Amino acid sequence: MAQSLAAGKPGAKILLVVIETCSVSFRADRLQKSDIIATVLFGDGSAAACLSSNAPVLKKTVILGPGHQKIWPDTLGIMGWDVDETGFGVVFDRSIPTFVTKEFAGATEGALKAANLNHAQIDRYVCHPGGAKVVDAIEGALHLNQGSLDAERDTLRDVGNMSAPTVMFVLKSVLDAGKTGQMMACALGPGFTASFLPFHVSAEAA
């Protein structure tokens, strides 16, 4: 959405801020298995990015393409929230890694096609690490070398799954490591939903 706003108004400067406080949704009143797992896995976090349609002036240039989203029907039981008078109750089904293994490649192919790209052109997928098994499932679904999503695993180990901001933490890690080329950001969310954002990173010539 921020990319679309920046692209739609020449000279615009858009500040994207993402904040999640997953800890406040802990349900001490019910203590179901999913609540305990979510408390272990999820953390609080925030991230921000500045977007503009102006010509870049930084040494490292990140050009965003249009985003793409896939929503699977009848998947609210896989991941989401039960909302009642007490608060939010997490829905976190054990079938998520299996679902990713089965469905993620097709969703990614749709996102690549929408961006006029193909799998061979992607130098690095930058993925939201939903959990250790989910990262494994993404590598398998996209036929990536095992362990190639190292920044995703490091982020998950260091700060946990912070929901929406997490992929931006992974992105910062990838950029700080000096990676360049055509990339695709991927995130999974309630619904069940997969979101994608193609982007290209180039460094200033020496």
N, C-alpha and C. Protein backbone atom coordinates (compact mmCIF):
# COMPACT_ATOMS: atom_id res chain seq x y z
N MET A 1 0.83 -1.20 0.00
CA MET A 1 0.00 0.00 0.00
C MET A 1 0.87 1.26 0.00
N ALA A 2 1.93 1.24 0.81
CA ALA A 2 2.83 2.39 0.85
C ALA A 2 3.51 2.60 -0.50
N GLN A 3 3.88 1.49 -1.15
CA GLN A 3 4.49 1.60 -2.48
C GLN A 3 3.52 2.22 -3.46
N SER A 4 2.25 1.83 -3.40
CA SER A 4 1.25 2.37 -4.31
C SER A 4 1.02 3.85 -4.07
N LEU A 5 1.01 4.26 -2.80
CA LEU A 5 0.84 5.68 -2.47
C LEU A 5 2.00 6.51 -3.00
N ALA A 6 3.23 6.00 -2.83
CA ALA A 6 4.40 6.74 -3.30
C ALA A 6 4.41 6.82 -4.83
N ALA A 7 4.04 5.71 -5.48
CA ALA A 7 4.05 5.69 -6.95
C ALA A 7 2.96 6.57 -7.52
N GLY A 8 1.87 6.76 -6.77
CA GLY A 8 0.73 7.50 -7.30
C GLY A 8 0.85 9.01 -7.19
N LYS A 9 1.88 9.49 -6.48
CA LYS A 9 2.04 10.93 -6.32
C LYS A 9 3.51 11.29 -6.45
N PRO A 10 3.92 11.77 -7.61
CA PRO A 10 5.33 12.13 -7.81
C PRO A 10 5.83 13.09 -6.74
N GLY A 11 7.00 12.77 -6.20
CA GLY A 11 7.59 13.61 -5.16
C GLY A 11 7.11 13.31 -3.76
N ALA A 12 6.15 12.40 -3.63
CA ALA A 12 5.62 12.08 -2.30
C ALA A 12 6.66 11.38 -1.45
N LYS A 13 6.58 11.62 -0.16
CA LYS A 13 7.42 10.91 0.82
C LYS A 13 6.47 10.20 1.77
N ILE A 14 6.55 8.88 1.81
CA ILE A 14 5.64 8.06 2.60
C ILE A 14 6.42 7.39 3.72
N LEU A 15 5.94 7.53 4.95
CA LEU A 15 6.55 6.85 6.09
C LEU A 15 5.68 5.65 6.46
N LEU A 16 6.23 4.47 6.30
CA LEU A 16 5.55 3.23 6.67
C LEU A 16 5.99 2.82 8.07
N VAL A 17 5.06 2.69 8.99
CA VAL A 17 5.35 2.29 10.36
C VAL A 17 4.52 1.05 10.68
N VAL A 18 5.17 0.01 11.16
CA VAL A 18 4.51 -1.25 11.50
C VAL A 18 4.81 -1.59 12.95
N ILE A 19 3.78 -1.75 13.76
CA ILE A 19 3.95 -2.05 15.19
C ILE A 19 3.06 -3.22 15.56
N GLU A 20 3.61 -4.19 16.28
CA GLU A 20 2.84 -5.31 16.79
C GLU A 20 3.20 -5.54 18.26
N THR A 21 2.20 -5.65 19.10
CA THR A 21 2.41 -5.97 20.51
C THR A 21 1.71 -7.29 20.80
N CYS A 22 2.32 -8.36 20.32
CA CYS A 22 1.71 -9.69 20.43
C CYS A 22 1.53 -10.13 21.88
N SER A 23 2.39 -9.64 22.77
CA SER A 23 2.32 -10.11 24.16
C SER A 23 1.03 -9.72 24.86
N VAL A 24 0.39 -8.62 24.43
CA VAL A 24 -0.83 -8.19 25.13
C VAL A 24 -2.02 -9.08 24.81
N SER A 25 -1.88 -9.95 23.81
CA SER A 25 -2.99 -10.83 23.45
C SER A 25 -2.94 -12.16 24.17
N PHE A 26 -1.98 -12.35 25.08
CA PHE A 26 -1.87 -13.62 25.80
C PHE A 26 -3.13 -13.87 26.62
N ARG A 27 -3.67 -15.08 26.49
CA ARG A 27 -4.91 -15.43 27.16
C ARG A 27 -4.63 -16.33 28.37
N ALA A 28 -4.41 -15.73 29.51
CA ALA A 28 -4.19 -16.50 30.74
C ALA A 28 -5.46 -17.18 31.22
N ASP A 29 -6.60 -16.76 30.65
CA ASP A 29 -7.88 -17.33 31.13
C ASP A 29 -8.17 -18.69 30.53
N ARG A 30 -7.51 -19.07 29.45
CA ARG A 30 -7.86 -20.33 28.80
C ARG A 30 -6.68 -21.29 28.64
N LEU A 31 -5.46 -20.76 28.46
CA LEU A 31 -4.24 -21.56 28.42
C LEU A 31 -4.36 -22.80 27.53
N GLN A 32 -4.84 -22.61 26.33
CA GLN A 32 -4.85 -23.68 25.36
C GLN A 32 -3.44 -23.87 24.79
N LYS A 33 -3.21 -25.01 24.18
CA LYS A 33 -1.88 -25.31 23.64
C LYS A 33 -1.44 -24.23 22.66
N SER A 34 -2.36 -23.79 21.81
CA SER A 34 -2.00 -22.77 20.82
C SER A 34 -1.58 -21.46 21.48
N ASP A 35 -2.21 -21.12 22.63
CA ASP A 35 -1.84 -19.89 23.33
C ASP A 35 -0.42 -19.98 23.90
N ILE A 36 -0.07 -21.13 24.44
CA ILE A 36 1.26 -21.32 25.00
C ILE A 36 2.31 -21.29 23.90
N ILE A 37 2.05 -21.99 22.79
CA ILE A 37 2.99 -21.99 21.67
C ILE A 37 3.18 -20.58 21.12
N ALA A 38 2.07 -19.84 20.99
CA ALA A 38 2.16 -18.47 20.47
C ALA A 38 2.99 -17.58 21.38
N THR A 39 2.86 -17.77 22.70
CA THR A 39 3.63 -16.96 23.65
C THR A 39 5.12 -17.24 23.53
N VAL A 40 5.47 -18.50 23.29
CA VAL A 40 6.88 -18.87 23.11
C VAL A 40 7.43 -18.32 21.79
N LEU A 41 6.61 -18.37 20.76
CA LEU A 41 7.06 -18.02 19.41
C LEU A 41 7.02 -16.52 19.11
N PHE A 42 5.97 -15.84 19.58
CA PHE A 42 5.76 -14.45 19.18
C PHE A 42 6.42 -13.46 20.13
N GLY A 43 6.86 -12.33 19.57
CA GLY A 43 7.42 -11.24 20.35
C GLY A 43 6.82 -9.92 19.90
N ASP A 44 7.17 -8.87 20.61
CA ASP A 44 6.72 -7.52 20.25
C ASP A 44 7.79 -6.85 19.38
N GLY A 45 7.36 -6.03 18.44
CA GLY A 45 8.33 -5.37 17.58
C GLY A 45 7.74 -4.23 16.79
N SER A 46 8.61 -3.40 16.28
CA SER A 46 8.19 -2.30 15.41
C SER A 46 9.28 -2.04 14.38
N ALA A 47 8.86 -1.57 13.22
CA ALA A 47 9.80 -1.26 12.15
C ALA A 47 9.23 -0.13 11.32
N ALA A 48 10.10 0.58 10.62
CA ALA A 48 9.65 1.69 9.80
C ALA A 48 10.52 1.80 8.56
N ALA A 49 9.95 2.36 7.51
CA ALA A 49 10.69 2.58 6.27
C ALA A 49 10.17 3.84 5.60
N CYS A 50 11.07 4.57 4.96
CA CYS A 50 10.70 5.78 4.20
C CYS A 50 10.69 5.44 2.72
N LEU A 51 9.60 5.78 2.04
CA LEU A 51 9.45 5.52 0.61
C LEU A 51 9.23 6.84 -0.11
N SER A 52 9.75 6.92 -1.33
CA SER A 52 9.57 8.12 -2.13
C SER A 52 9.64 7.79 -3.60
N SER A 53 8.95 8.57 -4.40
CA SER A 53 9.06 8.44 -5.85
C SER A 53 10.16 9.34 -6.40
N ASN A 54 10.85 10.08 -5.54
CA ASN A 54 11.97 10.90 -5.97
C ASN A 54 13.15 10.02 -6.36
N ALA A 55 14.05 10.56 -7.17
CA ALA A 55 15.27 9.83 -7.53
C ALA A 55 16.09 9.56 -6.28
N PRO A 56 16.59 8.35 -6.08
CA PRO A 56 17.33 8.01 -4.86
C PRO A 56 18.65 8.75 -4.78
N VAL A 57 19.05 9.07 -3.56
CA VAL A 57 20.33 9.76 -3.35
C VAL A 57 21.26 8.91 -2.49
N LEU A 58 20.80 7.75 -2.03
CA LEU A 58 21.63 6.88 -1.20
C LEU A 58 22.54 6.01 -2.06
N LYS A 59 23.62 5.52 -1.45
CA LYS A 59 24.55 4.65 -2.17
C LYS A 59 23.87 3.35 -2.56
N LYS A 60 23.00 2.84 -1.67
CA LYS A 60 22.29 1.61 -1.97
C LYS A 60 20.85 1.96 -2.34
N THR A 61 20.43 1.55 -3.52
CA THR A 61 19.11 1.91 -4.02
C THR A 61 18.20 0.68 -3.96
N VAL A 62 17.01 0.86 -3.40
CA VAL A 62 16.00 -0.19 -3.34
C VAL A 62 14.78 0.30 -4.11
N ILE A 63 14.48 -0.35 -5.22
CA ILE A 63 13.33 0.01 -6.05
C ILE A 63 12.24 -1.03 -5.83
N LEU A 64 11.08 -0.57 -5.37
CA LEU A 64 9.96 -1.47 -5.09
C LEU A 64 9.06 -1.62 -6.30
N GLY A 65 8.61 -2.85 -6.53
CA GLY A 65 7.61 -3.11 -7.55
C GLY A 65 6.23 -3.16 -6.90
N PRO A 66 5.19 -3.43 -7.67
CA PRO A 66 3.83 -3.51 -7.12
C PRO A 66 3.63 -4.79 -6.32
N GLY A 67 2.93 -4.66 -5.23
CA GLY A 67 2.67 -5.81 -4.37
C GLY A 67 1.62 -6.74 -4.96
N HIS A 68 1.59 -7.96 -4.42
CA HIS A 68 0.65 -8.98 -4.87
C HIS A 68 0.21 -9.78 -3.65
N GLN A 69 -1.06 -10.18 -3.63
CA GLN A 69 -1.58 -10.92 -2.47
C GLN A 69 -2.45 -12.08 -2.90
N LYS A 70 -2.32 -13.19 -2.18
CA LYS A 70 -3.13 -14.38 -2.42
C LYS A 70 -3.87 -14.72 -1.12
N ILE A 71 -5.19 -14.83 -1.20
CA ILE A 71 -6.00 -15.21 -0.05
C ILE A 71 -6.73 -16.51 -0.38
N TRP A 72 -6.51 -17.53 0.43
CA TRP A 72 -7.17 -18.81 0.21
C TRP A 72 -8.52 -18.81 0.92
N PRO A 73 -9.58 -19.21 0.24
CA PRO A 73 -10.90 -19.27 0.87
C PRO A 73 -10.98 -20.39 1.89
N ASP A 74 -11.85 -20.20 2.87
CA ASP A 74 -12.13 -21.23 3.89
C ASP A 74 -10.88 -21.67 4.64
N THR A 75 -10.04 -20.69 5.02
CA THR A 75 -8.81 -21.03 5.74
C THR A 75 -8.70 -20.30 7.08
N LEU A 76 -9.81 -19.75 7.57
CA LEU A 76 -9.76 -19.04 8.86
C LEU A 76 -9.38 -19.96 10.00
N GLY A 77 -9.63 -21.27 9.82
CA GLY A 77 -9.29 -22.22 10.87
C GLY A 77 -7.81 -22.57 10.92
N ILE A 78 -7.04 -22.15 9.92
CA ILE A 78 -5.61 -22.45 9.91
C ILE A 78 -4.82 -21.45 10.74
N MET A 79 -5.12 -20.17 10.55
CA MET A 79 -4.40 -19.14 11.28
C MET A 79 -5.25 -17.89 11.35
N GLY A 80 -5.32 -17.31 12.53
CA GLY A 80 -6.11 -16.10 12.71
C GLY A 80 -6.39 -15.85 14.17
N TRP A 81 -7.55 -15.27 14.43
CA TRP A 81 -7.89 -14.89 15.80
C TRP A 81 -9.36 -15.20 16.09
N ASP A 82 -9.60 -15.72 17.28
CA ASP A 82 -10.94 -15.77 17.84
C ASP A 82 -11.10 -14.55 18.74
N VAL A 83 -12.08 -13.73 18.45
CA VAL A 83 -12.27 -12.50 19.23
C VAL A 83 -13.54 -12.63 20.05
N ASP A 84 -13.41 -12.46 21.37
CA ASP A 84 -14.58 -12.51 22.24
C ASP A 84 -14.49 -11.38 23.26
N GLU A 85 -15.33 -11.40 24.28
CA GLU A 85 -15.38 -10.30 25.24
C GLU A 85 -14.09 -10.19 26.06
N THR A 86 -13.36 -11.29 26.20
CA THR A 86 -12.13 -11.26 26.99
C THR A 86 -10.95 -10.71 26.19
N GLY A 87 -10.91 -11.02 24.91
CA GLY A 87 -9.79 -10.54 24.10
C GLY A 87 -9.59 -11.37 22.85
N PHE A 88 -8.35 -11.40 22.39
CA PHE A 88 -7.98 -12.12 21.18
C PHE A 88 -7.48 -13.51 21.57
N GLY A 89 -7.97 -14.52 20.90
CA GLY A 89 -7.48 -15.88 21.08
C GLY A 89 -6.85 -16.36 19.79
N VAL A 90 -5.58 -16.73 19.85
CA VAL A 90 -4.86 -17.09 18.64
C VAL A 90 -5.37 -18.42 18.09
N VAL A 91 -5.46 -18.48 16.77
CA VAL A 91 -5.75 -19.72 16.05
C VAL A 91 -4.47 -20.08 15.30
N PHE A 92 -3.87 -21.19 15.66
CA PHE A 92 -2.55 -21.54 15.16
C PHE A 92 -2.52 -23.04 14.92
N ASP A 93 -2.97 -23.47 13.74
CA ASP A 93 -3.14 -24.89 13.47
C ASP A 93 -1.80 -25.55 13.11
N ARG A 94 -1.65 -26.81 13.50
CA ARG A 94 -0.41 -27.52 13.23
C ARG A 94 -0.23 -27.82 11.74
N SER A 95 -1.27 -27.59 10.95
CA SER A 95 -1.19 -27.88 9.51
C SER A 95 -0.50 -26.78 8.71
N ILE A 96 -0.08 -25.69 9.36
CA ILE A 96 0.50 -24.56 8.62
C ILE A 96 1.71 -24.98 7.78
N PRO A 97 2.73 -25.68 8.33
CA PRO A 97 3.86 -26.07 7.48
C PRO A 97 3.44 -26.94 6.29
N THR A 98 2.50 -27.86 6.52
CA THR A 98 2.02 -28.71 5.44
C THR A 98 1.31 -27.89 4.37
N PHE A 99 0.51 -26.92 4.82
CA PHE A 99 -0.20 -26.05 3.88
C PHE A 99 0.80 -25.25 3.05
N VAL A 100 1.85 -24.73 3.70
CA VAL A 100 2.87 -23.96 2.98
C VAL A 100 3.56 -24.84 1.95
N THR A 101 3.91 -26.06 2.34
CA THR A 101 4.57 -26.98 1.41
C THR A 101 3.71 -27.22 0.18
N LYS A 102 2.41 -27.34 0.38
CA LYS A 102 1.49 -27.66 -0.71
C LYS A 102 1.14 -26.45 -1.56
N GLU A 103 0.96 -25.28 -0.94
CA GLU A 103 0.35 -24.15 -1.64
C GLU A 103 1.28 -22.98 -1.96
N PHE A 104 2.41 -22.87 -1.27
CA PHE A 104 3.19 -21.64 -1.36
C PHE A 104 3.84 -21.46 -2.73
N ALA A 105 4.28 -22.55 -3.34
CA ALA A 105 4.94 -22.42 -4.64
C ALA A 105 4.00 -21.84 -5.68
N GLY A 106 2.75 -22.30 -5.69
CA GLY A 106 1.78 -21.77 -6.65
C GLY A 106 1.48 -20.31 -6.42
N ALA A 107 1.37 -19.92 -5.14
CA ALA A 107 1.12 -18.51 -4.84
C ALA A 107 2.30 -17.64 -5.26
N THR A 108 3.51 -18.14 -5.04
CA THR A 108 4.71 -17.40 -5.43
C THR A 108 4.79 -17.26 -6.94
N GLU A 109 4.43 -18.32 -7.66
CA GLU A 109 4.43 -18.27 -9.12
C GLU A 109 3.46 -17.20 -9.62
N GLY A 110 2.30 -17.08 -8.96
CA GLY A 110 1.36 -16.04 -9.33
C GLY A 110 1.92 -14.65 -9.10
N ALA A 111 2.63 -14.47 -7.99
CA ALA A 111 3.23 -13.17 -7.70
C ALA A 111 4.34 -12.83 -8.69
N LEU A 112 5.15 -13.82 -9.04
CA LEU A 112 6.21 -13.60 -10.01
C LEU A 112 5.64 -13.23 -11.38
N LYS A 113 4.59 -13.94 -11.79
CA LYS A 113 3.96 -13.65 -13.08
C LYS A 113 3.39 -12.25 -13.10
N ALA A 114 2.77 -11.83 -11.98
CA ALA A 114 2.20 -10.48 -11.91
C ALA A 114 3.27 -9.40 -12.02
N ALA A 115 4.50 -9.74 -11.61
CA ALA A 115 5.61 -8.79 -11.66
C ALA A 115 6.46 -8.96 -12.91
N ASN A 116 6.02 -9.82 -13.85
CA ASN A 116 6.79 -10.12 -15.07
C ASN A 116 8.17 -10.66 -14.74
N LEU A 117 8.22 -11.55 -13.74
CA LEU A 117 9.47 -12.17 -13.32
C LEU A 117 9.29 -13.68 -13.35
N ASN A 118 10.41 -14.39 -13.20
CA ASN A 118 10.35 -15.83 -13.01
C ASN A 118 11.32 -16.22 -11.90
N HIS A 119 11.19 -17.45 -11.45
CA HIS A 119 11.96 -17.92 -10.29
C HIS A 119 13.46 -17.76 -10.51
N ALA A 120 13.92 -18.02 -11.73
CA ALA A 120 15.35 -17.96 -12.01
C ALA A 120 15.91 -16.54 -11.88
N GLN A 121 15.06 -15.53 -11.97
CA GLN A 121 15.52 -14.14 -11.88
C GLN A 121 15.64 -13.65 -10.44
N ILE A 122 15.16 -14.41 -9.49
CA ILE A 122 15.18 -13.97 -8.09
C ILE A 122 16.51 -14.35 -7.44
N ASP A 123 17.26 -13.35 -7.03
CA ASP A 123 18.54 -13.58 -6.37
C ASP A 123 18.37 -13.94 -4.89
N ARG A 124 17.29 -13.44 -4.29
CA ARG A 124 17.06 -13.73 -2.87
C ARG A 124 15.59 -13.53 -2.55
N TYR A 125 14.97 -14.55 -1.96
CA TYR A 125 13.65 -14.38 -1.37
C TYR A 125 13.84 -13.89 0.06
N VAL A 126 13.09 -12.87 0.43
CA VAL A 126 13.15 -12.31 1.79
C VAL A 126 11.83 -12.64 2.45
N CYS A 127 11.84 -13.58 3.38
CA CYS A 127 10.60 -14.19 3.85
C CYS A 127 10.30 -13.89 5.32
N HIS A 128 9.03 -13.78 5.60
CA HIS A 128 8.56 -13.70 6.97
C HIS A 128 8.73 -15.07 7.61
N PRO A 129 9.52 -15.18 8.70
CA PRO A 129 9.74 -16.49 9.33
C PRO A 129 8.62 -16.81 10.33
N GLY A 130 7.57 -17.47 9.85
CA GLY A 130 6.45 -17.77 10.73
C GLY A 130 6.82 -18.69 11.87
N GLY A 131 7.80 -19.53 11.67
CA GLY A 131 8.29 -20.48 12.65
C GLY A 131 9.36 -21.32 11.99
N ALA A 132 10.11 -22.08 12.78
CA ALA A 132 11.20 -22.87 12.22
C ALA A 132 10.71 -23.84 11.16
N LYS A 133 9.60 -24.53 11.43
CA LYS A 133 9.07 -25.49 10.47
C LYS A 133 8.53 -24.79 9.22
N VAL A 134 8.02 -23.58 9.39
CA VAL A 134 7.52 -22.83 8.25
C VAL A 134 8.67 -22.41 7.35
N VAL A 135 9.80 -21.99 7.93
CA VAL A 135 10.97 -21.62 7.13
C VAL A 135 11.45 -22.83 6.33
N ASP A 136 11.50 -23.99 6.98
CA ASP A 136 11.87 -25.23 6.28
C ASP A 136 10.91 -25.50 5.13
N ALA A 137 9.62 -25.30 5.38
CA ALA A 137 8.60 -25.56 4.36
C ALA A 137 8.75 -24.61 3.17
N ILE A 138 9.07 -23.35 3.44
CA ILE A 138 9.26 -22.38 2.35
C ILE A 138 10.45 -22.78 1.49
N GLU A 139 11.56 -23.15 2.12
CA GLU A 139 12.73 -23.59 1.36
C GLU A 139 12.38 -24.78 0.47
N GLY A 140 11.62 -25.73 1.03
CA GLY A 140 11.24 -26.89 0.24
C GLY A 140 10.30 -26.54 -0.90
N ALA A 141 9.32 -25.70 -0.61
CA ALA A 141 8.31 -25.34 -1.63
C ALA A 141 8.95 -24.59 -2.80
N LEU A 142 9.93 -23.75 -2.49
CA LEU A 142 10.56 -22.93 -3.54
C LEU A 142 11.84 -23.57 -4.09
N HIS A 143 12.13 -24.79 -3.65
CA HIS A 143 13.31 -25.52 -4.10
C HIS A 143 14.60 -24.72 -3.86
N LEU A 144 14.67 -24.12 -2.67
CA LEU A 144 15.87 -23.40 -2.27
C LEU A 144 16.81 -24.34 -1.53
N ASN A 145 18.09 -24.05 -1.57
CA ASN A 145 19.04 -24.86 -0.82
C ASN A 145 18.73 -24.78 0.67
N GLN A 146 18.80 -25.91 1.35
CA GLN A 146 18.53 -25.92 2.78
C GLN A 146 19.50 -25.00 3.51
N GLY A 147 18.95 -24.11 4.33
CA GLY A 147 19.77 -23.16 5.07
C GLY A 147 19.95 -21.83 4.36
N SER A 148 19.42 -21.70 3.14
CA SER A 148 19.61 -20.45 2.39
C SER A 148 18.86 -19.29 3.03
N LEU A 149 17.78 -19.55 3.77
CA LEU A 149 17.05 -18.49 4.46
C LEU A 149 17.66 -18.26 5.84
N ASP A 150 18.96 -17.94 5.83
CA ASP A 150 19.69 -17.80 7.09
C ASP A 150 19.26 -16.56 7.88
N ALA A 151 18.99 -15.46 7.18
CA ALA A 151 18.57 -14.24 7.88
C ALA A 151 17.22 -14.44 8.55
N GLU A 152 16.36 -15.24 7.93
CA GLU A 152 15.06 -15.53 8.51
C GLU A 152 15.22 -16.31 9.81
N ARG A 153 16.08 -17.31 9.80
CA ARG A 153 16.30 -18.12 11.00
C ARG A 153 16.97 -17.30 12.10
N ASP A 154 17.91 -16.45 11.73
CA ASP A 154 18.58 -15.60 12.72
C ASP A 154 17.59 -14.65 13.38
N THR A 155 16.72 -14.06 12.57
CA THR A 155 15.72 -13.13 13.11
C THR A 155 14.77 -13.86 14.05
N LEU A 156 14.32 -15.03 13.66
CA LEU A 156 13.40 -15.81 14.48
C LEU A 156 14.07 -16.19 15.80
N ARG A 157 15.33 -16.57 15.76
CA ARG A 157 16.05 -16.95 16.97
C ARG A 157 16.28 -15.75 17.89
N ASP A 158 16.60 -14.60 17.31
CA ASP A 158 16.99 -13.44 18.11
C ASP A 158 15.81 -12.69 18.71
N VAL A 159 14.73 -12.53 17.94
CA VAL A 159 13.62 -11.69 18.41
C VAL A 159 12.26 -12.34 18.28
N GLY A 160 12.21 -13.54 17.71
CA GLY A 160 10.93 -14.23 17.58
C GLY A 160 10.13 -13.75 16.38
N ASN A 161 8.93 -14.29 16.26
CA ASN A 161 7.99 -13.88 15.23
C ASN A 161 7.20 -12.69 15.77
N MET A 162 7.46 -11.52 15.24
CA MET A 162 6.79 -10.30 15.71
C MET A 162 5.59 -9.95 14.86
N SER A 163 5.12 -10.93 14.11
CA SER A 163 4.01 -10.73 13.19
C SER A 163 4.44 -9.76 12.09
N ALA A 164 3.66 -8.75 11.80
CA ALA A 164 3.87 -7.91 10.62
C ALA A 164 5.27 -7.31 10.46
N PRO A 165 5.95 -6.81 11.51
CA PRO A 165 7.25 -6.17 11.29
C PRO A 165 8.38 -7.13 10.95
N THR A 166 8.17 -8.44 11.16
CA THR A 166 9.29 -9.38 11.13
C THR A 166 10.00 -9.40 9.79
N VAL A 167 9.26 -9.38 8.70
CA VAL A 167 9.90 -9.43 7.38
C VAL A 167 10.76 -8.20 7.15
N MET A 168 10.43 -7.08 7.79
CA MET A 168 11.26 -5.88 7.64
C MET A 168 12.57 -6.03 8.41
N PHE A 169 12.55 -6.76 9.53
CA PHE A 169 13.79 -7.08 10.24
C PHE A 169 14.67 -7.97 9.37
N VAL A 170 14.06 -8.95 8.71
CA VAL A 170 14.80 -9.83 7.81
C VAL A 170 15.39 -9.01 6.65
N LEU A 171 14.59 -8.11 6.09
CA LEU A 171 15.05 -7.26 5.00
C LEU A 171 16.27 -6.44 5.42
N LYS A 172 16.22 -5.85 6.61
CA LYS A 172 17.37 -5.06 7.08
C LYS A 172 18.62 -5.93 7.21
N SER A 173 18.44 -7.14 7.71
CA SER A 173 19.57 -8.05 7.83
C SER A 173 20.17 -8.38 6.48
N VAL A 174 19.32 -8.62 5.48
CA VAL A 174 19.79 -8.94 4.14
C VAL A 174 20.52 -7.75 3.53
N LEU A 175 19.97 -6.55 3.69
CA LEU A 175 20.62 -5.34 3.15
C LEU A 175 21.93 -5.06 3.87
N ASP A 176 21.96 -5.23 5.19
CA ASP A 176 23.19 -5.00 5.96
C ASP A 176 24.29 -5.97 5.56
N ALA A 177 23.89 -7.15 5.07
CA ALA A 177 24.87 -8.13 4.64
C ALA A 177 25.43 -7.82 3.25
N GLY A 178 24.91 -6.75 2.63
CA GLY A 178 25.43 -6.33 1.34
C GLY A 178 24.83 -7.03 0.13
N LYS A 179 23.72 -7.73 0.32
CA LYS A 179 23.10 -8.44 -0.79
C LYS A 179 22.50 -7.45 -1.79
N THR A 180 22.63 -7.76 -3.06
CA THR A 180 22.06 -6.94 -4.12
C THR A 180 21.36 -7.84 -5.13
N GLY A 181 20.63 -7.22 -6.04
CA GLY A 181 19.97 -7.97 -7.09
C GLY A 181 18.46 -7.93 -6.98
N GLN A 182 17.80 -8.76 -7.77
CA GLN A 182 16.34 -8.85 -7.77
C GLN A 182 15.88 -9.75 -6.62
N MET A 183 14.98 -9.23 -5.82
CA MET A 183 14.50 -9.96 -4.66
C MET A 183 12.97 -9.96 -4.62
N MET A 184 12.44 -10.82 -3.77
CA MET A 184 10.99 -10.89 -3.58
C MET A 184 10.73 -11.07 -2.09
N ALA A 185 10.04 -10.09 -1.50
CA ALA A 185 9.63 -10.22 -0.11
C ALA A 185 8.35 -11.03 -0.03
N CYS A 186 8.27 -11.92 0.95
CA CYS A 186 7.12 -12.80 1.11
C CYS A 186 6.69 -12.82 2.57
N ALA A 187 5.39 -12.78 2.80
CA ALA A 187 4.88 -12.85 4.17
C ALA A 187 3.59 -13.66 4.20
N LEU A 188 3.42 -14.40 5.28
CA LEU A 188 2.21 -15.18 5.49
C LEU A 188 1.43 -14.58 6.64
N GLY A 189 0.10 -14.62 6.53
CA GLY A 189 -0.72 -14.00 7.56
C GLY A 189 -2.07 -14.68 7.70
N PRO A 190 -2.86 -14.17 8.64
CA PRO A 190 -4.18 -14.75 8.91
C PRO A 190 -5.04 -14.74 7.67
N GLY A 191 -5.86 -15.76 7.58
CA GLY A 191 -6.83 -15.71 6.47
C GLY A 191 -7.13 -17.01 5.78
N PHE A 192 -6.21 -17.80 5.22
CA PHE A 192 -4.75 -17.73 5.20
C PHE A 192 -4.31 -16.88 4.02
N THR A 193 -3.31 -16.02 4.23
CA THR A 193 -2.93 -15.03 3.24
C THR A 193 -1.42 -15.09 2.98
N ALA A 194 -1.04 -14.92 1.73
CA ALA A 194 0.36 -14.73 1.37
C ALA A 194 0.49 -13.40 0.63
N SER A 195 1.44 -12.59 1.06
CA SER A 195 1.67 -11.28 0.44
C SER A 195 3.09 -11.24 -0.13
N PHE A 196 3.24 -10.56 -1.25
CA PHE A 196 4.53 -10.52 -1.95
C PHE A 196 4.84 -9.09 -2.39
N LEU A 197 6.12 -8.75 -2.38
CA LEU A 197 6.56 -7.45 -2.88
C LEU A 197 7.90 -7.62 -3.60
N PRO A 198 7.93 -7.49 -4.93
CA PRO A 198 9.20 -7.56 -5.64
C PRO A 198 9.99 -6.26 -5.45
N PHE A 199 11.29 -6.39 -5.33
CA PHE A 199 12.14 -5.19 -5.23
C PHE A 199 13.53 -5.51 -5.73
N HIS A 200 14.21 -4.44 -6.18
CA HIS A 200 15.56 -4.60 -6.72
C HIS A 200 16.51 -3.74 -5.92
N VAL A 201 17.63 -4.33 -5.55
CA VAL A 201 18.64 -3.63 -4.75
C VAL A 201 19.90 -3.48 -5.60
N SER A 202 20.38 -2.26 -5.73
CA SER A 202 21.61 -2.02 -6.46
C SER A 202 22.51 -1.12 -5.64
N ALA A 203 23.81 -1.36 -5.75
CA ALA A 203 24.79 -0.54 -5.03
C ALA A 203 25.45 0.41 -6.01
N GLU A 204 25.88 1.55 -5.50
CA GLU A 204 26.55 2.56 -6.33
C GLU A 204 27.84 2.02 -6.87
N ALA A 205 28.07 2.20 -8.14
CA ALA A 205 29.32 1.72 -8.75
C ALA A 205 30.53 2.41 -8.15
N ALA A 206 31.60 1.68 -7.97
CA ALA A 206 32.83 2.24 -7.39
C ALA A 206 33.49 3.19 -8.36
